[in-house]
Amino acid sequence: MNSMQAVAVFPSIAPENLEKFKELAYLILLEVQKQDSIVRYDLFFNHDMTSCTVLEEYSAPEGVIEHVKKNAALLAELTALGGKIQGSIFPMSQDGSAIAEIRDNWDSEFHIHFAGKN
């Protein structure tokens, strides 16, 4: 199994940016439905609507790379409105060039899966 989960947080959405952020977030939800490798892409706002957490799951690590490339413009706009993404990556395997690219080049916290053995 080479699936991967990720958490992305837009940490600081100002009240005056909220409606535009939600409009763009809706557009990205429409776009991710077109990508077969995305298993889950759910957005959650905190209680006062000042941050947004995205729970993501991909059938393979290459899916998140494809998502970021295809949606770069929307992600840049969301980041401008909601703050620099605070990301965490949870791959089921450490193998493959996509995992190496993410681990070596992305500004995300990288986690190693533990299945009860070394």
Protein backbone atom coordinates (compact mmCIF):
# COMPACT_ATOMS: atom_id res chain seq x y z
CA MET A 1 0.00 0.00 0.00
CA ASN A 2 1.50 3.32 -1.07
CA SER A 3 -1.31 5.69 -0.11
CA MET A 4 -0.63 8.97 1.60
CA GLN A 5 -2.51 11.31 3.88
CA ALA A 6 -1.84 14.98 4.44
CA VAL A 7 -3.07 17.79 6.63
CA ALA A 8 -2.86 21.37 5.41
CA VAL A 9 -3.78 24.31 7.63
CA PHE A 10 -4.48 27.84 6.47
CA PRO A 11 -3.78 29.39 9.88
CA SER A 12 -4.97 32.98 9.72
CA ILE A 13 -8.04 34.01 7.77
CA ALA A 14 -8.95 37.63 8.53
CA PRO A 15 -12.70 38.32 8.80
CA GLU A 16 -12.59 40.57 5.73
CA ASN A 17 -11.05 37.69 3.71
CA LEU A 18 -13.44 34.94 4.81
CA GLU A 19 -16.05 35.16 2.04
CA LYS A 20 -13.43 35.28 -0.73
CA PHE A 21 -11.54 32.40 0.93
CA LYS A 22 -14.74 30.32 0.99
CA GLU A 23 -15.43 31.09 -2.69
CA LEU A 24 -11.94 29.92 -3.68
CA ALA A 25 -12.16 26.89 -1.38
CA TYR A 26 -15.37 25.89 -3.17
CA LEU A 27 -13.59 26.17 -6.52
CA ILE A 28 -10.75 23.94 -5.35
CA LEU A 29 -13.30 21.39 -4.09
CA LEU A 30 -14.73 21.28 -7.62
CA GLU A 31 -11.26 20.84 -9.12
CA VAL A 32 -10.16 18.00 -6.85
CA GLN A 33 -13.24 15.99 -7.86
CA LYS A 34 -11.64 15.74 -11.32
CA GLN A 35 -8.49 14.07 -9.99
CA ASP A 36 -8.81 10.29 -9.63
CA SER A 37 -5.88 9.97 -7.22
CA ILE A 38 -7.61 12.09 -4.56
CA VAL A 39 -9.48 9.78 -2.18
CA ARG A 40 -10.41 12.46 0.37
CA TYR A 41 -10.29 16.25 0.41
CA ASP A 42 -12.33 17.72 3.27
CA LEU A 43 -12.20 21.28 4.59
CA PHE A 44 -12.94 22.22 8.20
CA PHE A 45 -13.08 25.70 9.71
CA ASN A 46 -12.39 26.33 13.38
CA HIS A 47 -15.19 27.70 15.59
CA ASP A 48 -14.52 31.38 14.81
CA MET A 49 -13.78 30.82 11.10
CA THR A 50 -10.21 32.17 11.35
CA SER A 51 -8.42 29.03 10.17
CA CYS A 52 -9.17 26.19 7.78
CA THR A 53 -7.82 22.65 8.00
CA VAL A 54 -7.81 20.39 4.96
CA LEU A 55 -7.74 16.61 5.47
CA GLU A 56 -6.39 14.97 2.34
CA GLU A 57 -5.85 11.39 1.22
CA TYR A 58 -4.25 10.23 -2.01
CA SER A 59 -4.05 6.78 -3.59
CA ALA A 60 -0.33 7.44 -4.16
CA PRO A 61 2.13 10.23 -3.25
CA GLU A 62 2.23 11.36 -6.88
CA GLY A 63 -1.36 12.51 -6.42
CA VAL A 64 -0.49 15.33 -4.04
CA ILE A 65 2.22 16.55 -6.42
CA GLU A 66 -0.29 16.52 -9.29
CA HIS A 67 -2.84 18.35 -7.11
CA VAL A 68 -0.39 21.10 -6.15
CA LYS A 69 0.73 21.60 -9.76
CA LYS A 70 -2.80 21.62 -11.22
CA ASN A 71 -4.15 23.97 -8.55
CA ALA A 72 -1.13 26.20 -7.98
CA ALA A 73 -3.00 29.42 -8.80
CA LEU A 74 -5.93 28.64 -6.49
CA LEU A 75 -3.60 27.50 -3.71
CA ALA A 76 -1.60 30.73 -4.04
CA GLU A 77 -4.79 32.79 -3.72
CA LEU A 78 -5.95 30.78 -0.72
CA THR A 79 -2.54 31.22 0.90
CA ALA A 80 -2.67 34.98 0.31
CA LEU A 81 -6.02 35.08 2.13
CA GLY A 82 -5.42 32.43 4.80
CA GLY A 83 -1.71 32.48 5.57
CA LYS A 84 1.18 30.22 4.64
CA ILE A 85 0.10 26.59 4.62
CA GLN A 86 1.24 24.58 7.62
CA GLY A 87 1.49 21.08 6.18
CA SER A 88 2.03 17.58 7.50
CA ILE A 89 2.57 14.52 5.31
CA PHE A 90 1.72 10.94 6.38
CA PRO A 91 2.91 8.41 3.75
CA MET A 92 2.32 4.71 4.28
CA SER A 93 5.67 3.95 2.61
CA GLN A 94 8.96 5.81 2.42
CA ASP A 95 9.74 4.42 -1.04
CA GLY A 96 9.61 6.15 -4.40
CA SER A 97 10.72 9.31 -6.11
CA ALA A 98 7.53 11.22 -5.24
CA ILE A 99 8.12 10.67 -1.52
CA ALA A 100 11.74 11.76 -1.93
CA GLU A 101 10.64 14.93 -3.75
CA ILE A 102 8.10 15.81 -1.07
CA ARG A 103 10.49 15.03 1.80
CA ASP A 104 13.43 16.90 0.28
CA ASN A 105 11.72 19.94 -1.23
CA TRP A 106 8.46 20.74 0.54
CA ASP A 107 8.12 22.84 3.65
CA SER A 108 5.97 20.27 5.45
CA GLU A 109 6.38 18.14 8.52
CA PHE A 110 7.11 14.62 7.32
CA HIS A 111 5.92 11.61 9.34
CA ILE A 112 7.03 7.97 9.20
CA HIS A 113 4.42 5.24 9.48
CA PHE A 114 4.90 2.73 12.30
CA ALA A 115 3.23 -0.67 11.97
CA GLY A 116 4.58 -2.26 15.13
CA LYS A 117 7.93 -3.37 13.76
CA ASN A 118 11.14 -1.69 12.60
